[in-house]
N, C-alpha and C. Protein backbone atom coordinates (compact mmCIF):
# COMPACT_ATOMS: atom_id res chain seq x y z
N MET A 1 -108.96 -188.86 41.19
CA MET A 1 -107.92 -189.02 42.18
C MET A 1 -108.41 -190.05 43.20
N THR A 2 -107.56 -190.99 43.51
CA THR A 2 -107.96 -192.04 44.43
C THR A 2 -108.00 -191.54 45.87
N ARG A 3 -108.72 -192.26 46.69
CA ARG A 3 -108.84 -191.90 48.09
C ARG A 3 -107.47 -191.96 48.78
N HIS A 4 -106.69 -192.97 48.45
CA HIS A 4 -105.36 -193.13 49.06
C HIS A 4 -104.46 -191.94 48.72
N LEU A 5 -104.50 -191.49 47.50
CA LEU A 5 -103.69 -190.34 47.09
C LEU A 5 -104.16 -189.06 47.78
N ARG A 6 -105.47 -188.88 47.90
CA ARG A 6 -106.00 -187.70 48.60
C ARG A 6 -105.58 -187.68 50.06
N ILE A 7 -105.58 -188.85 50.71
CA ILE A 7 -105.13 -188.92 52.11
C ILE A 7 -103.66 -188.55 52.21
N GLY A 8 -102.85 -189.07 51.30
CA GLY A 8 -101.42 -188.76 51.31
C GLY A 8 -101.13 -187.29 51.13
N ILE A 9 -101.84 -186.66 50.20
CA ILE A 9 -101.64 -185.22 49.97
C ILE A 9 -102.09 -184.42 51.19
N SER A 10 -103.21 -184.79 51.78
CA SER A 10 -103.73 -184.07 52.95
C SER A 10 -102.77 -184.15 54.13
N VAL A 11 -102.25 -185.33 54.38
CA VAL A 11 -101.32 -185.51 55.50
C VAL A 11 -100.00 -184.79 55.22
N SER A 12 -99.51 -184.89 54.00
CA SER A 12 -98.23 -184.24 53.69
C SER A 12 -98.35 -182.71 53.69
N ALA A 13 -99.55 -182.19 53.49
CA ALA A 13 -99.74 -180.75 53.56
C ALA A 13 -99.69 -180.25 55.01
N ALA A 14 -100.17 -181.05 55.95
CA ALA A 14 -100.22 -180.63 57.35
C ALA A 14 -98.98 -181.04 58.14
N LEU A 15 -98.23 -182.01 57.66
CA LEU A 15 -97.11 -182.57 58.42
C LEU A 15 -95.99 -181.57 58.74
N PRO A 16 -95.51 -180.75 57.79
CA PRO A 16 -94.45 -179.80 58.15
C PRO A 16 -94.87 -178.80 59.22
N THR A 17 -96.09 -178.34 59.13
CA THR A 17 -96.59 -177.40 60.14
C THR A 17 -96.73 -178.09 61.49
N LEU A 18 -97.18 -179.33 61.48
CA LEU A 18 -97.34 -180.09 62.72
C LEU A 18 -96.00 -180.27 63.43
N ILE A 19 -94.99 -180.68 62.70
CA ILE A 19 -93.68 -180.92 63.31
C ILE A 19 -93.09 -179.62 63.86
N THR A 20 -93.15 -178.57 63.07
CA THR A 20 -92.62 -177.28 63.51
C THR A 20 -93.37 -176.75 64.73
N ALA A 21 -94.69 -176.81 64.68
CA ALA A 21 -95.50 -176.29 65.79
C ALA A 21 -95.27 -177.09 67.07
N LEU A 22 -95.15 -178.40 66.95
CA LEU A 22 -94.93 -179.20 68.16
C LEU A 22 -93.58 -178.89 68.80
N VAL A 23 -92.56 -178.71 67.99
CA VAL A 23 -91.23 -178.39 68.54
C VAL A 23 -91.25 -177.02 69.21
N VAL A 24 -91.79 -176.03 68.51
CA VAL A 24 -91.80 -174.66 69.04
C VAL A 24 -92.68 -174.54 70.28
N PHE A 25 -93.91 -175.07 70.20
CA PHE A 25 -94.81 -174.92 71.34
C PHE A 25 -94.41 -175.78 72.52
N THR A 26 -93.75 -176.91 72.29
CA THR A 26 -93.24 -177.69 73.41
C THR A 26 -92.15 -176.92 74.14
N ALA A 27 -91.27 -176.30 73.39
CA ALA A 27 -90.22 -175.50 74.02
C ALA A 27 -90.82 -174.31 74.79
N LEU A 28 -91.81 -173.67 74.19
CA LEU A 28 -92.45 -172.54 74.88
C LEU A 28 -93.23 -173.00 76.12
N ALA A 29 -93.84 -174.17 76.06
CA ALA A 29 -94.58 -174.68 77.22
C ALA A 29 -93.63 -175.07 78.34
N ILE A 30 -92.48 -175.65 77.97
CA ILE A 30 -91.48 -175.98 79.00
C ILE A 30 -90.97 -174.70 79.66
N GLY A 31 -90.81 -173.65 78.87
CA GLY A 31 -90.35 -172.36 79.42
C GLY A 31 -91.42 -171.60 80.18
N GLY A 32 -92.65 -172.06 80.11
CA GLY A 32 -93.73 -171.41 80.84
C GLY A 32 -94.33 -170.22 80.12
N VAL A 33 -94.03 -170.03 78.86
CA VAL A 33 -94.53 -168.90 78.10
C VAL A 33 -95.97 -169.13 77.65
N VAL A 34 -96.28 -170.36 77.26
CA VAL A 34 -97.65 -170.72 76.86
C VAL A 34 -98.10 -171.90 77.70
N PRO A 35 -99.42 -172.03 77.90
CA PRO A 35 -99.90 -173.19 78.68
C PRO A 35 -99.81 -174.48 77.87
N TRP A 36 -99.80 -175.61 78.55
CA TRP A 36 -99.70 -176.90 77.89
C TRP A 36 -100.94 -177.22 77.05
N THR A 37 -102.03 -176.54 77.28
CA THR A 37 -103.25 -176.81 76.52
C THR A 37 -103.15 -176.31 75.08
N VAL A 38 -102.11 -175.58 74.75
CA VAL A 38 -101.92 -175.12 73.38
C VAL A 38 -101.61 -176.30 72.45
N LEU A 39 -100.87 -177.28 72.93
CA LEU A 39 -100.46 -178.41 72.10
C LEU A 39 -101.65 -179.21 71.57
N PRO A 40 -102.62 -179.60 72.40
CA PRO A 40 -103.79 -180.30 71.84
C PRO A 40 -104.60 -179.43 70.89
N ALA A 41 -104.63 -178.14 71.14
CA ALA A 41 -105.36 -177.23 70.24
C ALA A 41 -104.70 -177.17 68.87
N VAL A 42 -103.37 -177.18 68.84
CA VAL A 42 -102.65 -177.18 67.57
C VAL A 42 -102.90 -178.49 66.83
N LEU A 43 -102.88 -179.60 67.54
CA LEU A 43 -103.16 -180.90 66.92
C LEU A 43 -104.56 -180.93 66.32
N LEU A 44 -105.53 -180.42 67.04
CA LEU A 44 -106.91 -180.39 66.55
C LEU A 44 -107.03 -179.49 65.32
N ALA A 45 -106.41 -178.34 65.35
CA ALA A 45 -106.49 -177.42 64.22
C ALA A 45 -105.86 -178.02 62.96
N LEU A 46 -104.74 -178.71 63.11
CA LEU A 46 -104.10 -179.32 61.95
C LEU A 46 -104.86 -180.54 61.45
N ALA A 47 -105.54 -181.25 62.33
CA ALA A 47 -106.40 -182.35 61.90
C ALA A 47 -107.57 -181.82 61.08
N VAL A 48 -108.14 -180.72 61.51
CA VAL A 48 -109.23 -180.09 60.75
C VAL A 48 -108.71 -179.60 59.40
N GLN A 49 -107.51 -179.02 59.37
CA GLN A 49 -106.93 -178.57 58.12
C GLN A 49 -106.74 -179.74 57.15
N ALA A 50 -106.22 -180.86 57.65
CA ALA A 50 -106.02 -182.03 56.79
C ALA A 50 -107.35 -182.57 56.27
N PHE A 51 -108.37 -182.57 57.11
CA PHE A 51 -109.69 -183.05 56.68
C PHE A 51 -110.28 -182.14 55.60
N VAL A 52 -110.17 -180.84 55.80
CA VAL A 52 -110.69 -179.90 54.80
C VAL A 52 -109.94 -180.05 53.48
N THR A 53 -108.64 -180.23 53.55
CA THR A 53 -107.85 -180.45 52.33
C THR A 53 -108.31 -181.73 51.63
N PHE A 54 -108.54 -182.79 52.39
CA PHE A 54 -109.00 -184.06 51.83
C PHE A 54 -110.34 -183.88 51.11
N VAL A 55 -111.26 -183.18 51.74
CA VAL A 55 -112.58 -182.98 51.14
C VAL A 55 -112.49 -182.11 49.89
N ARG A 56 -111.72 -181.05 49.96
CA ARG A 56 -111.59 -180.15 48.80
C ARG A 56 -110.92 -180.81 47.62
N LEU A 57 -109.98 -181.69 47.86
CA LEU A 57 -109.34 -182.40 46.76
C LEU A 57 -110.35 -183.28 46.03
N GLY A 58 -111.26 -183.86 46.76
CA GLY A 58 -112.29 -184.68 46.14
C GLY A 58 -113.27 -183.86 45.33
N ARG A 59 -113.62 -182.70 45.81
CA ARG A 59 -114.58 -181.84 45.10
C ARG A 59 -113.98 -181.24 43.85
N ILE A 60 -112.71 -180.88 43.90
CA ILE A 60 -112.07 -180.26 42.74
C ILE A 60 -112.01 -181.24 41.59
N THR A 61 -111.60 -182.47 41.86
CA THR A 61 -111.48 -183.44 40.77
C THR A 61 -112.84 -183.85 40.24
N ASP A 62 -113.84 -183.99 41.11
CA ASP A 62 -115.18 -184.35 40.63
C ASP A 62 -115.75 -183.25 39.76
N GLY A 63 -115.58 -182.00 40.17
CA GLY A 63 -116.11 -180.88 39.40
C GLY A 63 -115.41 -180.72 38.07
N ALA A 64 -114.10 -180.95 38.05
CA ALA A 64 -113.36 -180.79 36.81
C ALA A 64 -113.74 -181.85 35.78
N VAL A 65 -114.07 -183.03 36.23
CA VAL A 65 -114.43 -184.11 35.31
C VAL A 65 -115.83 -183.90 34.77
N ARG A 66 -116.73 -183.40 35.59
CA ARG A 66 -118.14 -183.29 35.20
C ARG A 66 -118.46 -182.04 34.40
N GLN A 67 -117.63 -181.02 34.41
CA GLN A 67 -117.93 -179.78 33.71
C GLN A 67 -117.76 -179.96 32.22
N ASP A 68 -118.80 -179.60 31.48
CA ASP A 68 -118.74 -179.66 30.02
C ASP A 68 -119.71 -178.62 29.51
N ASP A 69 -119.17 -177.54 28.95
CA ASP A 69 -120.05 -176.47 28.46
C ASP A 69 -120.40 -176.65 26.99
N GLY A 70 -119.82 -177.64 26.34
CA GLY A 70 -120.14 -177.90 24.95
C GLY A 70 -119.50 -176.93 23.97
N ALA A 71 -118.53 -176.16 24.40
CA ALA A 71 -117.91 -175.16 23.54
C ALA A 71 -117.00 -175.79 22.49
N ASN A 72 -116.43 -176.95 22.80
CA ASN A 72 -115.52 -177.61 21.88
C ASN A 72 -116.06 -178.96 21.47
N PRO A 73 -116.98 -179.01 20.53
CA PRO A 73 -117.51 -180.30 20.12
C PRO A 73 -116.46 -181.10 19.35
N VAL A 74 -116.46 -182.37 19.54
CA VAL A 74 -115.45 -183.23 18.90
C VAL A 74 -115.88 -183.66 17.53
């Protein structure tokens, strides 16, 4: 899997949650229910999620290509 494809998958996995969370938490912050510091925390958490997804996608494909137990000789 190429690096560009892994980045696209990672961002698209976090994007729906990011948009929903920003809309909901902005409305709650305007209403005074949650502090404004929640918004940067949500952004940081989703950035970490996207990074972990990016790293795991690379490990899964590398491991799948390299595994060979020799059970099915050609």
